[in-house]
Protein backbone atom coordinates (compact mmCIF):
# COMPACT_ATOMS: atom_id res chain seq x y z
CA UNK A 1 135.07 147.81 70.20
CA UNK A 2 135.79 144.91 72.56
CA UNK A 3 138.46 146.98 74.29
CA UNK A 4 135.97 149.79 74.76
CA UNK A 5 133.46 147.32 76.31
CA UNK A 6 136.16 145.96 78.65
CA UNK A 7 137.05 149.49 79.73
CA UNK A 8 133.40 150.26 80.50
CA UNK A 9 133.09 147.06 82.55
CA UNK A 10 136.28 147.89 84.48
CA UNK A 11 134.97 151.37 85.10
CA UNK A 12 131.66 150.00 86.41
CA UNK A 13 133.46 147.43 88.63
CA UNK A 14 135.78 150.11 90.04
CA UNK A 15 132.79 152.38 90.63
CA UNK A 16 131.02 149.58 92.50
CA UNK A 17 134.07 148.88 94.66
CA UNK A 18 134.22 152.57 95.57
CA UNK A 19 130.48 152.60 96.40
CA UNK A 20 129.37 154.69 93.42
CA UNK A 21 125.57 154.40 93.15
CA UNK A 22 125.59 155.54 89.51
CA UNK A 23 127.78 152.56 88.56
CA UNK A 24 125.41 150.29 90.45
CA UNK A 25 122.38 151.79 88.66
CA UNK A 26 124.06 151.40 85.25
CA UNK A 27 124.83 147.78 86.05
CA UNK A 28 121.30 147.16 87.31
CA UNK A 29 119.65 148.82 84.30
CA UNK A 30 121.87 146.97 81.84
CA UNK A 31 121.57 143.43 83.25
CA UNK A 32 118.47 143.14 85.42
CA UNK A 33 115.96 142.17 82.69
CA UNK A 34 118.39 139.83 80.97
CA UNK A 35 119.14 138.03 84.27
CA UNK A 36 115.45 137.82 85.15
CA UNK A 37 114.77 136.19 81.78
CA UNK A 38 117.58 133.71 82.33
CA UNK A 39 116.39 132.69 85.82
CA UNK A 40 112.80 132.57 84.56
CA UNK A 41 113.86 129.98 81.97
CA UNK A 42 115.27 127.88 84.82
CA UNK A 43 112.41 128.31 87.27
CA UNK A 44 109.39 129.08 85.11
CA UNK A 45 108.33 131.51 87.86
CA UNK A 46 108.62 135.23 87.15
CA UNK A 47 108.20 136.33 90.79
CA UNK A 48 110.87 133.92 91.96
CA UNK A 49 113.13 135.03 89.12
CA UNK A 50 112.87 138.66 90.17
CA UNK A 51 113.46 137.78 93.83
CA UNK A 52 116.57 135.77 93.07
CA UNK A 53 118.05 138.38 90.74
CA UNK A 54 117.34 141.10 93.32
CA UNK A 55 119.14 138.97 95.93
CA UNK A 56 122.18 138.82 93.64
CA UNK A 57 122.17 142.59 93.14
CA UNK A 58 121.66 143.21 96.84
CA UNK A 59 124.58 140.91 97.74
CA UNK A 60 126.68 142.58 95.03
CA UNK A 61 126.10 145.98 96.66
CA UNK A 62 126.65 144.65 100.20
CA UNK A 63 129.98 143.07 99.22
CA UNK A 64 131.09 145.82 96.85
CA UNK A 65 134.25 146.64 98.80
CA UNK A 66 135.52 143.04 98.60
CA UNK A 67 134.41 142.48 95.01
CA UNK A 68 136.89 140.56 92.90
CA UNK A 69 135.70 139.85 89.35
CA UNK A 70 138.19 138.03 87.14
CA UNK A 71 135.87 137.18 84.25
CA UNK A 72 133.55 139.49 82.40
CA UNK A 73 130.91 141.29 84.44
CA UNK A 74 128.20 139.59 82.41
CA UNK A 75 129.62 136.11 83.18
CA UNK A 76 130.02 137.01 86.84
CA UNK A 77 126.38 138.08 87.14
CA UNK A 78 125.20 135.10 85.09
CA UNK A 79 127.11 132.67 87.36
CA UNK A 80 125.89 134.47 90.50
CA UNK A 81 122.25 134.15 89.40
CA UNK A 82 122.76 130.53 88.45
CA UNK A 83 124.25 129.80 91.90
CA UNK A 84 121.45 131.75 93.60
CA UNK A 85 118.90 129.56 91.81
CA UNK A 86 120.77 126.39 92.85
CA UNK A 87 120.84 127.58 96.48
CA UNK A 88 117.10 128.19 96.25
CA UNK A 89 116.58 124.63 94.99
CA UNK A 90 118.69 123.18 97.82
CA UNK A 91 116.76 125.19 100.40
CA UNK A 92 113.47 124.11 98.85
CA UNK A 93 114.57 120.45 98.92
CA UNK A 94 115.53 120.74 102.59
CA UNK A 95 112.12 122.22 103.36
CA UNK A 96 110.38 119.45 101.42
CA UNK A 97 112.50 116.82 103.18
CA UNK A 98 111.66 118.36 106.54
CA UNK A 99 107.95 118.45 105.72
CA UNK A 100 108.15 114.86 104.53
CA UNK A 101 109.83 113.83 107.77
CA UNK A 102 107.19 115.65 109.82
CA UNK A 103 104.43 114.01 107.78
CA UNK A 104 105.86 110.51 108.41
CA UNK A 105 106.29 111.23 112.13
CA UNK A 106 102.68 112.39 112.34
CA UNK A 107 101.44 109.33 110.43
CA UNK A 108 103.49 107.01 112.64
CA UNK A 109 102.18 108.70 115.78
CA UNK A 110 98.62 108.43 114.47
CA UNK A 111 99.22 104.76 113.65
CA UNK A 112 100.57 104.15 117.17
CA UNK A 113 97.56 105.91 118.71
CA UNK A 114 95.17 103.87 116.56
CA UNK A 115 97.09 100.71 117.42
CA UNK A 116 96.88 101.56 121.13
CA UNK A 117 93.16 102.30 120.86
CA UNK A 118 92.65 99.02 118.99
CA UNK A 119 94.64 97.11 121.61
CA UNK A 120 92.57 98.68 124.38
CA UNK A 121 89.34 97.74 122.57
CA UNK A 122 90.65 94.21 122.02
CA UNK A 123 91.65 93.94 125.65
CA UNK A 124 88.15 94.99 126.71
CA UNK A 125 86.72 92.23 124.51
CA UNK A 126 89.03 89.68 126.10
CA UNK A 127 88.23 90.84 129.63
CA UNK A 128 84.52 90.75 128.88
CA UNK A 129 84.81 87.21 127.52
CA UNK A 130 86.87 86.09 130.53
CA UNK A 131 84.17 87.46 132.85
CA UNK A 132 81.69 85.12 131.13
CA UNK A 133 83.69 82.03 132.16
CA UNK A 134 82.56 80.03 135.18
CA UNK A 135 84.11 81.39 138.41
CA UNK A 136 86.63 78.56 139.00
CA UNK A 137 87.63 78.45 135.32
CA UNK A 138 88.13 82.22 135.42
CA UNK A 139 90.38 81.99 138.50
CA UNK A 140 92.53 79.23 136.97
CA UNK A 141 92.88 81.10 133.66
CA UNK A 142 93.87 84.41 135.33
CA UNK A 143 96.44 82.70 137.55
CA UNK A 144 97.89 80.90 134.54
CA UNK A 145 97.92 83.70 131.96
CA UNK A 146 98.12 86.93 133.96
CA UNK A 147 100.20 85.85 136.96
CA UNK A 148 102.27 83.31 134.99
CA UNK A 149 101.75 80.57 137.58
CA UNK A 150 102.57 76.95 136.75
CA UNK A 151 99.83 74.31 136.80
CA UNK A 152 101.19 72.79 139.98
CA UNK A 153 101.21 76.20 141.76
CA UNK A 154 97.62 76.90 140.69
CA UNK A 155 96.53 73.47 141.93
CA UNK A 156 98.09 74.17 145.35
CA UNK A 157 96.60 77.69 145.59
CA UNK A 158 93.06 76.56 144.70
CA UNK A 159 93.24 73.12 146.32
CA UNK A 160 92.50 71.22 143.09
CA UNK A 161 94.42 68.67 141.03
CA UNK A 162 96.78 69.66 138.22
CA UNK A 163 94.58 67.69 135.84
CA UNK A 164 91.59 69.92 136.84
CA UNK A 165 93.78 73.00 136.22
CA UNK A 166 94.58 71.72 132.71
CA UNK A 167 90.89 71.06 132.02
CA UNK A 168 89.91 74.61 133.17
CA UNK A 169 92.63 76.21 130.99
CA UNK A 170 91.64 74.13 127.96
CA UNK A 171 87.97 75.03 128.52
CA UNK A 172 88.84 78.75 128.90
CA UNK A 173 90.97 78.80 125.76
CA UNK A 174 88.33 77.03 123.70
CA UNK A 175 85.65 79.46 124.95
CA UNK A 176 87.82 82.51 124.22
CA UNK A 177 88.77 81.29 120.75
CA UNK A 178 85.15 80.97 119.77
CA UNK A 179 83.93 84.16 121.50
CA UNK A 180 86.75 86.59 120.80
CA UNK A 181 87.51 86.54 117.08
CA UNK A 182 91.06 87.09 115.90
CA UNK A 183 92.81 86.05 119.11
CA UNK A 184 94.89 82.96 119.67
CA UNK A 185 96.22 82.10 123.08
């Protein structure tokens, strides 16, 4: 009986290699449902199961002339479907990883845009507060903080003492600390 089964399998394999459509149909009719059930147990998705098994049969027909089956036909098809399912999982994981990467890039970009918008709003608050300082105090503060001038240089530019420069900067910082919350100079 087993010999008879082996002879039938060899006959089907030889028919496939020669391009015999009847051998292919016999193979398809005999194993398709069984393979779909097997893949369905792995995936729990009947549509996916059918797609994967059809891919295996399609590849089997496309590569029929180079077919080399050393085990039983049933084991060969079983292993082919199992590998097809694993390839599907790998592809799905790559897609999920790619989507995850795109999601994080989008979130980071959104964060950067929000951060930039927040910085611009904060800067407007600071500028507005600086504009409320007395004129001389404003000039001293801008020269010190924005142009990075030393106290001595500011004193020479404005024709005032370095002590007056220090007083204006202290006054400006105190005013800004109380009028612009969350900033420390």
